[in-house]
Amino acid sequence: MNSAFKALSDPTRRRILELLSDRDMTAGEIAGYFDISKPSVSHHLNALKAAGLILDERKGQNIIYSLNTTVFQELIKWFYDFSKGGIKS
């Protein structure tokens, strides 16, 4: 879960997640929303993928990125448990 929190700390990555919450997209489509290089977008996508926040699937010559809702459910559960005082060290 630490990698997910680290990935979420970056505003560009949070914006990518917002975009993917609307629909699945290719890296090129995602890059169109940013004024940064395509390698930088790939770096952010790799960080999100390593954290388990997004999934990728090859379709022909394209890689389609989508949200991994399972990880978000785990994060929400953690926040809920934390707010109720249920997190123990």
PDB file of N, CA and C in Angstrom:
ATOM      1  N   MET A   1       0.828  -1.187   0.000  1.00  0.00           N
ATOM      2  CA  MET A   1       0.000   0.000   0.000  1.00  0.00           C
ATOM      3  C   MET A   1       0.878   1.259   0.000  1.00  0.00           C
ATOM      4  N   ASN A   2       2.106   1.158   0.502  1.00  0.00           N
ATOM      5  CA  ASN A   2       2.997   2.316   0.516  1.00  0.00           C
ATOM      6  C   ASN A   2       3.266   2.844  -0.888  1.00  0.00           C
ATOM      7  N   SER A   3       3.431   1.933  -1.849  1.00  0.00           N
ATOM      8  CA  SER A   3       3.692   2.380  -3.217  1.00  0.00           C
ATOM      9  C   SER A   3       2.484   3.112  -3.791  1.00  0.00           C
ATOM     10  N   ALA A   4       1.288   2.715  -3.387  1.00  0.00           N
ATOM     11  CA  ALA A   4       0.086   3.406  -3.856  1.00  0.00           C
ATOM     12  C   ALA A   4       0.047   4.831  -3.317  1.00  0.00           C
ATOM     13  N   PHE A   5       0.349   5.001  -2.021  1.00  0.00           N
ATOM     14  CA  PHE A   5       0.362   6.349  -1.452  1.00  0.00           C
ATOM     15  C   PHE A   5       1.444   7.208  -2.089  1.00  0.00           C
ATOM     16  N   LYS A   6       2.609   6.624  -2.350  1.00  0.00           N
ATOM     17  CA  LYS A   6       3.680   7.373  -2.999  1.00  0.00           C
ATOM     18  C   LYS A   6       3.248   7.809  -4.400  1.00  0.00           C
ATOM     19  N   ALA A   7       2.624   6.900  -5.150  1.00  0.00           N
ATOM     20  CA  ALA A   7       2.160   7.236  -6.498  1.00  0.00           C
ATOM     21  C   ALA A   7       1.095   8.330  -6.455  1.00  0.00           C
ATOM     22  N   LEU A   8       0.233   8.281  -5.466  1.00  0.00           N
ATOM     23  CA  LEU A   8      -0.837   9.276  -5.346  1.00  0.00           C
ATOM     24  C   LEU A   8      -0.330  10.648  -4.917  1.00  0.00           C
ATOM     25  N   SER A   9       0.901  10.724  -4.429  1.00  0.00           N
ATOM     26  CA  SER A   9       1.428  12.013  -3.962  1.00  0.00           C
ATOM     27  C   SER A   9       1.754  12.960  -5.122  1.00  0.00           C
ATOM     28  N   ASP A  10       1.804  12.454  -6.338  1.00  0.00           N
ATOM     29  CA  ASP A  10       2.161  13.280  -7.489  1.00  0.00           C
ATOM     30  C   ASP A  10       0.901  13.793  -8.189  1.00  0.00           C
ATOM     31  N   PRO A  11       0.790  15.109  -8.401  1.00  0.00           N
ATOM     32  CA  PRO A  11      -0.420  15.662  -9.025  1.00  0.00           C
ATOM     33  C   PRO A  11      -0.656  15.176 -10.455  1.00  0.00           C
ATOM     34  N   THR A  12       0.404  14.947 -11.217  1.00  0.00           N
ATOM     35  CA  THR A  12       0.228  14.442 -12.577  1.00  0.00           C
ATOM     36  C   THR A  12      -0.382  13.052 -12.544  1.00  0.00           C
ATOM     37  N   ARG A  13       0.074  12.229 -11.637  1.00  0.00           N
ATOM     38  CA  ARG A  13      -0.470  10.869 -11.525  1.00  0.00           C
ATOM     39  C   ARG A  13      -1.917  10.899 -11.071  1.00  0.00           C
ATOM     40  N   ARG A  14      -2.239  11.800 -10.164  1.00  0.00           N
ATOM     41  CA  ARG A  14      -3.639  11.909  -9.740  1.00  0.00           C
ATOM     42  C   ARG A  14      -4.514  12.331 -10.912  1.00  0.00           C
ATOM     43  N   ARG A  15      -4.015  13.228 -11.754  1.00  0.00           N
ATOM     44  CA  ARG A  15      -4.788  13.668 -12.928  1.00  0.00           C
ATOM     45  C   ARG A  15      -4.965  12.517 -13.914  1.00  0.00           C
ATOM     46  N   ILE A  16      -3.930  11.713 -14.087  1.00  0.00           N
ATOM     47  CA  ILE A  16      -4.052  10.539 -14.965  1.00  0.00           C
ATOM     48  C   ILE A  16      -5.144   9.610 -14.437  1.00  0.00           C
ATOM     49  N   LEU A  17      -5.186   9.404 -13.138  1.00  0.00           N
ATOM     50  CA  LEU A  17      -6.220   8.551 -12.549  1.00  0.00           C
ATOM     51  C   LEU A  17      -7.609   9.140 -12.770  1.00  0.00           C
ATOM     52  N   GLU A  18      -7.717  10.463 -12.663  1.00  0.00           N
ATOM     53  CA  GLU A  18      -9.001  11.117 -12.930  1.00  0.00           C
ATOM     54  C   GLU A  18      -9.437  10.873 -14.369  1.00  0.00           C
ATOM     55  N   LEU A  19      -8.496  11.003 -15.300  1.00  0.00           N
ATOM     56  CA  LEU A  19      -8.817  10.758 -16.714  1.00  0.00           C
ATOM     57  C   LEU A  19      -9.282   9.319 -16.918  1.00  0.00           C
ATOM     58  N   LEU A  20      -8.590   8.376 -16.284  1.00  0.00           N
ATOM     59  CA  LEU A  20      -8.940   6.966 -16.458  1.00  0.00           C
ATOM     60  C   LEU A  20     -10.234   6.601 -15.732  1.00  0.00           C
ATOM     61  N   SER A  21     -10.661   7.443 -14.812  1.00  0.00           N
ATOM     62  CA  SER A  21     -11.941   7.163 -14.152  1.00  0.00           C
ATOM     63  C   SER A  21     -13.107   7.395 -15.113  1.00  0.00           C
ATOM     64  N   ASP A  22     -12.863   8.209 -16.151  1.00  0.00           N
ATOM     65  CA  ASP A  22     -13.896   8.456 -17.162  1.00  0.00           C
ATOM     66  C   ASP A  22     -13.956   7.337 -18.195  1.00  0.00           C
ATOM     67  N   ARG A  23     -12.751   6.872 -18.622  1.00  0.00           N
ATOM     68  CA  ARG A  23     -12.701   5.806 -19.633  1.00  0.00           C
ATOM     69  C   ARG A  23     -11.280   5.275 -19.736  1.00  0.00           C
ATOM     70  N   ASP A  24     -11.156   4.086 -20.286  1.00  0.00           N
ATOM     71  CA  ASP A  24      -9.849   3.504 -20.566  1.00  0.00           C
ATOM     72  C   ASP A  24      -9.208   4.287 -21.714  1.00  0.00           C
ATOM     73  N   MET A  25      -7.877   4.428 -21.665  1.00  0.00           N
ATOM     74  CA  MET A  25      -7.190   5.255 -22.653  1.00  0.00           C
ATOM     75  C   MET A  25      -5.824   4.667 -22.990  1.00  0.00           C
ATOM     76  N   THR A  26      -5.301   5.052 -24.164  1.00  0.00           N
ATOM     77  CA  THR A  26      -3.931   4.723 -24.539  1.00  0.00           C
ATOM     78  C   THR A  26      -2.997   5.783 -23.944  1.00  0.00           C
ATOM     79  N   ALA A  27      -1.704   5.492 -23.945  1.00  0.00           N
ATOM     80  CA  ALA A  27      -0.727   6.462 -23.452  1.00  0.00           C
ATOM     81  C   ALA A  27      -0.769   7.740 -24.285  1.00  0.00           C
ATOM     82  N   GLY A  28      -0.939   7.602 -25.591  1.00  0.00           N
ATOM     83  CA  GLY A  28      -1.017   8.771 -26.459  1.00  0.00           C
ATOM     84  C   GLY A  28      -2.206   9.655 -26.135  1.00  0.00           C
ATOM     85  N   GLU A  29      -3.353   9.035 -25.851  1.00  0.00           N
ATOM     86  CA  GLU A  29      -4.535   9.812 -25.478  1.00  0.00           C
ATOM     87  C   GLU A  29      -4.296  10.541 -24.163  1.00  0.00           C
ATOM     88  N   ILE A  30      -3.691   9.849 -23.219  1.00  0.00           N
ATOM     89  CA  ILE A  30      -3.399  10.463 -21.918  1.00  0.00           C
ATOM     90  C   ILE A  30      -2.426  11.626 -22.104  1.00  0.00           C
ATOM     91  N   ALA A  31      -1.386  11.416 -22.905  1.00  0.00           N
ATOM     92  CA  ALA A  31      -0.365  12.450 -23.126  1.00  0.00           C
ATOM     93  C   ALA A  31      -0.976  13.723 -23.703  1.00  0.00           C
ATOM     94  N   GLY A  32      -2.057  13.591 -24.470  1.00  0.00           N
ATOM     95  CA  GLY A  32      -2.710  14.748 -25.059  1.00  0.00           C
ATOM     96  C   GLY A  32      -3.266  15.728 -24.043  1.00  0.00           C
ATOM     97  N   TYR A  33      -3.422  15.311 -22.804  1.00  0.00           N
ATOM     98  CA  TYR A  33      -3.956  16.170 -21.756  1.00  0.00           C
ATOM     99  C   TYR A  33      -2.863  16.917 -20.985  1.00  0.00           C
ATOM    100  N   PHE A  34      -1.599  16.668 -21.323  1.00  0.00           N
ATOM    101  CA  PHE A  34      -0.499  17.228 -20.553  1.00  0.00           C
ATOM    102  C   PHE A  34       0.480  17.964 -21.463  1.00  0.00           C
ATOM    103  N   ASP A  35       1.153  18.922 -20.878  1.00  0.00           N
ATOM    104  CA  ASP A  35       2.201  19.655 -21.588  1.00  0.00           C
ATOM    105  C   ASP A  35       3.560  19.148 -21.107  1.00  0.00           C
ATOM    106  N   ILE A  36       3.725  17.830 -21.156  1.00  0.00           N
ATOM    107  CA  ILE A  36       4.986  17.190 -20.790  1.00  0.00           C
ATOM    108  C   ILE A  36       5.320  16.174 -21.879  1.00  0.00           C
ATOM    109  N   SER A  37       6.555  15.696 -21.879  1.00  0.00           N
ATOM    110  CA  SER A  37       6.979  14.767 -22.927  1.00  0.00           C
ATOM    111  C   SER A  37       6.295  13.412 -22.782  1.00  0.00           C
ATOM    112  N   LYS A  38       6.220  12.681 -23.879  1.00  0.00           N
ATOM    113  CA  LYS A  38       5.640  11.340 -23.840  1.00  0.00           C
ATOM    114  C   LYS A  38       6.444  10.397 -22.939  1.00  0.00           C
ATOM    115  N   PRO A  39       7.790  10.492 -22.921  1.00  0.00           N
ATOM    116  CA  PRO A  39       8.532   9.659 -21.966  1.00  0.00           C
ATOM    117  C   PRO A  39       8.173   9.980 -20.512  1.00  0.00           C
ATOM    118  N   SER A  40       7.874  11.239 -20.216  1.00  0.00           N
ATOM    119  CA  SER A  40       7.456  11.597 -18.852  1.00  0.00           C
ATOM    120  C   SER A  40       6.104  10.969 -18.529  1.00  0.00           C
ATOM    121  N   VAL A  41       5.187  10.988 -19.492  1.00  0.00           N
ATOM    122  CA  VAL A  41       3.889  10.345 -19.282  1.00  0.00           C
ATOM    123  C   VAL A  41       4.098   8.847 -19.056  1.00  0.00           C
ATOM    124  N   SER A  42       4.970   8.224 -19.831  1.00  0.00           N
ATOM    125  CA  SER A  42       5.261   6.799 -19.652  1.00  0.00           C
ATOM    126  C   SER A  42       5.826   6.518 -18.268  1.00  0.00           C
ATOM    127  N   HIS A  43       6.692   7.405 -17.785  1.00  0.00           N
ATOM    128  CA  HIS A  43       7.246   7.255 -16.438  1.00  0.00           C
ATOM    129  C   HIS A  43       6.128   7.253 -15.393  1.00  0.00           C
ATOM    130  N   HIS A  44       5.191   8.193 -15.526  1.00  0.00           N
ATOM    131  CA  HIS A  44       4.073   8.272 -14.586  1.00  0.00           C
ATOM    132  C   HIS A  44       3.184   7.032 -14.690  1.00  0.00           C
ATOM    133  N   LEU A  45       2.931   6.573 -15.909  1.00  0.00           N
ATOM    134  CA  LEU A  45       2.127   5.358 -16.089  1.00  0.00           C
ATOM    135  C   LEU A  45       2.819   4.153 -15.468  1.00  0.00           C
ATOM    136  N   ASN A  46       4.131   4.062 -15.618  1.00  0.00           N
ATOM    137  CA  ASN A  46       4.872   2.945 -15.023  1.00  0.00           C
ATOM    138  C   ASN A  46       4.805   2.985 -13.503  1.00  0.00           C
ATOM    139  N   ALA A  47       4.874   4.176 -12.921  1.00  0.00           N
ATOM    140  CA  ALA A  47       4.774   4.304 -11.469  1.00  0.00           C
ATOM    141  C   ALA A  47       3.386   3.885 -10.981  1.00  0.00           C
ATOM    142  N   LEU A  48       2.357   4.296 -11.706  1.00  0.00           N
ATOM    143  CA  LEU A  48       0.986   3.913 -11.337  1.00  0.00           C
ATOM    144  C   LEU A  48       0.782   2.407 -11.490  1.00  0.00           C
ATOM    145  N   LYS A  49       1.355   1.843 -12.537  1.00  0.00           N
ATOM    146  CA  LYS A  49       1.244   0.403 -12.763  1.00  0.00           C
ATOM    147  C   LYS A  49       1.988  -0.366 -11.677  1.00  0.00           C
ATOM    148  N   ALA A  50       3.203   0.083 -11.316  1.00  0.00           N
ATOM    149  CA  ALA A  50       3.988  -0.581 -10.275  1.00  0.00           C
ATOM    150  C   ALA A  50       3.269  -0.538  -8.926  1.00  0.00           C
ATOM    151  N   ALA A  51       2.512   0.524  -8.694  1.00  0.00           N
ATOM    152  CA  ALA A  51       1.749   0.652  -7.456  1.00  0.00           C
ATOM    153  C   ALA A  51       0.451  -0.147  -7.500  1.00  0.00           C
ATOM    154  N   GLY A  52       0.132  -0.710  -8.654  1.00  0.00           N
ATOM    155  CA  GLY A  52      -1.081  -1.497  -8.789  1.00  0.00           C
ATOM    156  C   GLY A  52      -2.336  -0.671  -8.991  1.00  0.00           C
ATOM    157  N   LEU A  53      -2.173   0.634  -9.224  1.00  0.00           N
ATOM    158  CA  LEU A  53      -3.339   1.506  -9.364  1.00  0.00           C
ATOM    159  C   LEU A  53      -3.969   1.450 -10.744  1.00  0.00           C
ATOM    160  N   ILE A  54      -3.180   1.053 -11.748  1.00  0.00           N
ATOM    161  CA  ILE A  54      -3.716   0.908 -13.093  1.00  0.00           C
ATOM    162  C   ILE A  54      -3.308  -0.442 -13.674  1.00  0.00           C
ATOM    163  N   LEU A  55      -4.053  -0.850 -14.670  1.00  0.00           N
ATOM    164  CA  LEU A  55      -3.779  -2.082 -15.409  1.00  0.00           C
ATOM    165  C   LEU A  55      -3.527  -1.705 -16.857  1.00  0.00           C
ATOM    166  N   ASP A  56      -2.789  -2.546 -17.565  1.00  0.00           N
ATOM    167  CA  ASP A  56      -2.612  -2.315 -18.995  1.00  0.00           C
ATOM    168  C   ASP A  56      -2.903  -3.596 -19.753  1.00  0.00           C
ATOM    169  N   GLU A  57      -3.440  -3.412 -20.944  1.00  0.00           N
ATOM    170  CA  GLU A  57      -3.796  -4.551 -21.795  1.00  0.00           C
ATOM    171  C   GLU A  57      -3.452  -4.194 -23.234  1.00  0.00           C
ATOM    172  N   ARG A  58      -2.702  -5.078 -23.856  1.00  0.00           N
ATOM    173  CA  ARG A  58      -2.333  -4.855 -25.252  1.00  0.00           C
ATOM    174  C   ARG A  58      -3.514  -5.232 -26.146  1.00  0.00           C
ATOM    175  N   LYS A  59      -3.868  -4.300 -27.036  1.00  0.00           N
ATOM    176  CA  LYS A  59      -4.897  -4.536 -28.049  1.00  0.00           C
ATOM    177  C   LYS A  59      -4.295  -4.121 -29.377  1.00  0.00           C
ATOM    178  N   GLY A  60      -3.847  -5.097 -30.134  1.00  0.00           N
ATOM    179  CA  GLY A  60      -3.165  -4.799 -31.394  1.00  0.00           C
ATOM    180  C   GLY A  60      -1.857  -4.096 -31.104  1.00  0.00           C
ATOM    181  N   GLN A  61      -1.657  -2.932 -31.702  1.00  0.00           N
ATOM    182  CA  GLN A  61      -0.433  -2.167 -31.480  1.00  0.00           C
ATOM    183  C   GLN A  61      -0.545  -1.203 -30.306  1.00  0.00           C
ATOM    184  N   ASN A  62      -1.711  -1.127 -29.693  1.00  0.00           N
ATOM    185  CA  ASN A  62      -1.942  -0.181 -28.597  1.00  0.00           C
ATOM    186  C   ASN A  62      -1.925  -0.887 -27.250  1.00  0.00           C
ATOM    187  N   ILE A  63      -1.549  -0.127 -26.238  1.00  0.00           N
ATOM    188  CA  ILE A  63      -1.700  -0.576 -24.858  1.00  0.00           C
ATOM    189  C   ILE A  63      -2.775   0.305 -24.249  1.00  0.00           C
ATOM    190  N   ILE A  64      -3.802  -0.335 -23.729  1.00  0.00           N
ATOM    191  CA  ILE A  64      -4.933   0.377 -23.143  1.00  0.00           C
ATOM    192  C   ILE A  64      -4.771   0.348 -21.622  1.00  0.00           C
ATOM    193  N   TYR A  65      -4.845   1.517 -21.001  1.00  0.00           N
ATOM    194  CA  TYR A  65      -4.712   1.651 -19.555  1.00  0.00           C
ATOM    195  C   TYR A  65      -6.088   1.824 -18.920  1.00  0.00           C
ATOM    196  N   SER A  66      -6.269   1.197 -17.759  1.00  0.00           N
ATOM    197  CA  SER A  66      -7.531   1.291 -17.023  1.00  0.00           C
ATOM    198  C   SER A  66      -7.237   1.297 -15.527  1.00  0.00           C
ATOM    199  N   LEU A  67      -8.211   1.753 -14.749  1.00  0.00           N
ATOM    200  CA  LEU A  67      -8.060   1.762 -13.303  1.00  0.00           C
ATOM    201  C   LEU A  67      -8.138   0.340 -12.753  1.00  0.00           C
ATOM    202  N   ASN A  68      -7.382   0.082 -11.712  1.00  0.00           N
ATOM    203  CA  ASN A  68      -7.484  -1.173 -10.973  1.00  0.00           C
ATOM    204  C   ASN A  68      -8.322  -0.876  -9.733  1.00  0.00           C
ATOM    205  N   THR A  69      -9.613  -1.098  -9.836  1.00  0.00           N
ATOM    206  CA  THR A  69     -10.522  -0.712  -8.754  1.00  0.00           C
ATOM    207  C   THR A  69     -10.290  -1.517  -7.474  1.00  0.00           C
ATOM    208  N   THR A  70      -9.706  -2.697  -7.581  1.00  0.00           N
ATOM    209  CA  THR A  70      -9.432  -3.501  -6.391  1.00  0.00           C
ATOM    210  C   THR A  70      -8.515  -2.755  -5.427  1.00  0.00           C
ATOM    211  N   VAL A  71      -7.467  -2.147  -5.947  1.00  0.00           N
ATOM    212  CA  VAL A  71      -6.537  -1.401  -5.093  1.00  0.00           C
ATOM    213  C   VAL A  71      -7.233  -0.201  -4.474  1.00  0.00           C
ATOM    214  N   PHE A  72      -8.087   0.466  -5.227  1.00  0.00           N
ATOM    215  CA  PHE A  72      -8.808   1.610  -4.673  1.00  0.00           C
ATOM    216  C   PHE A  72      -9.743   1.167  -3.553  1.00  0.00           C
ATOM    217  N   GLN A  73     -10.351   0.004  -3.686  1.00  0.00           N
ATOM    218  CA  GLN A  73     -11.196  -0.509  -2.612  1.00  0.00           C
ATOM    219  C   GLN A  73     -10.380  -0.767  -1.352  1.00  0.00           C
ATOM    220  N   GLU A  74      -9.170  -1.287  -1.514  1.00  0.00           N
ATOM    221  CA  GLU A  74      -8.293  -1.508  -0.364  1.00  0.00           C
ATOM    222  C   GLU A  74      -7.907  -0.193   0.297  1.00  0.00           C
ATOM    223  N   LEU A  75      -7.609   0.833  -0.504  1.00  0.00           N
ATOM    224  CA  LEU A  75      -7.267   2.144   0.041  1.00  0.00           C
ATOM    225  C   LEU A  75      -8.449   2.753   0.786  1.00  0.00           C
ATOM    226  N   ILE A  76      -9.631   2.635   0.215  1.00  0.00           N
ATOM    227  CA  ILE A  76     -10.834   3.176   0.861  1.00  0.00           C
ATOM    228  C   ILE A  76     -11.071   2.468   2.184  1.00  0.00           C
ATOM    229  N   LYS A  77     -10.895   1.158   2.195  1.00  0.00           N
ATOM    230  CA  LYS A  77     -11.049   0.396   3.438  1.00  0.00           C
ATOM    231  C   LYS A  77     -10.044   0.872   4.477  1.00  0.00           C
ATOM    232  N   TRP A  78      -8.793   1.104   4.040  1.00  0.00           N
ATOM    233  CA  TRP A  78      -7.779   1.574   4.974  1.00  0.00           C
ATOM    234  C   TRP A  78      -8.188   2.919   5.561  1.00  0.00           C
ATOM    235  N   PHE A  79      -8.641   3.864   4.715  1.00  0.00           N
ATOM    236  CA  PHE A  79      -9.067   5.175   5.203  1.00  0.00           C
ATOM    237  C   PHE A  79     -10.256   5.043   6.157  1.00  0.00           C
ATOM    238  N   TYR A  80     -11.196   4.173   5.820  1.00  0.00           N
ATOM    239  CA  TYR A  80     -12.357   3.976   6.675  1.00  0.00           C
ATOM    240  C   TYR A  80     -11.927   3.431   8.030  1.00  0.00           C
ATOM    241  N   ASP A  81     -11.101   2.383   8.011  1.00  0.00           N
ATOM    242  CA  ASP A  81     -10.617   1.800   9.268  1.00  0.00           C
ATOM    243  C   ASP A  81      -9.823   2.829  10.069  1.00  0.00           C
ATOM    244  N   PHE A  82      -9.017   3.634   9.388  1.00  0.00           N
ATOM    245  CA  PHE A  82      -8.215   4.659  10.048  1.00  0.00           C
ATOM    246  C   PHE A  82      -9.120   5.678  10.727  1.00  0.00           C
ATOM    247  N   SER A  83     -10.164   6.103  10.019  1.00  0.00           N
ATOM    248  CA  SER A  83     -11.067   7.120  10.570  1.00  0.00           C
ATOM    249  C   SER A  83     -11.852   6.598  11.764  1.00  0.00           C
ATOM    250  N   LYS A  84     -12.006   5.292  11.866  1.00  0.00           N
ATOM    251  CA  LYS A  84     -12.730   4.682  12.974  1.00  0.00           C
ATOM    252  C   LYS A  84     -11.793   4.237  14.099  1.00  0.00           C
ATOM    253  N   GLY A  85     -10.489   4.502  13.912  1.00  0.00           N
ATOM    254  CA  GLY A  85      -9.523   4.112  14.931  1.00  0.00           C
ATOM    255  C   GLY A  85      -9.187   2.645  14.911  1.00  0.00           C
ATOM    256  N   GLY A  86      -9.432   1.984  13.761  1.00  0.00           N
ATOM    257  CA  GLY A  86      -9.226   0.543  13.677  1.00  0.00           C
ATOM    258  C   GLY A  86      -7.861   0.103  13.178  1.00  0.00           C
ATOM    259  N   ILE A  87      -6.970   1.035  12.857  1.00  0.00           N
ATOM    260  CA  ILE A  87      -5.645   0.686  12.363  1.00  0.00           C
ATOM    261  C   ILE A  87      -4.737   0.472  13.566  1.00  0.00           C
ATOM    262  N   LYS A  88      -4.126  -0.692  13.623  1.00  0.00           N
ATOM    263  CA  LYS A  88      -3.205  -1.014  14.714  1.00  0.00           C
ATOM    264  C   LYS A  88      -1.820  -1.245  14.153  1.00  0.00           C
ATOM    265  N   SER A  89      -0.805  -0.771  14.840  1.00  0.00           N
ATOM    266  CA  SER A  89       0.584  -0.968  14.397  1.00  0.00           C
ATOM    267  C   SER A  89       1.064  -2.358  14.667  1.00  0.00           C
TER     268      SER A  89
END
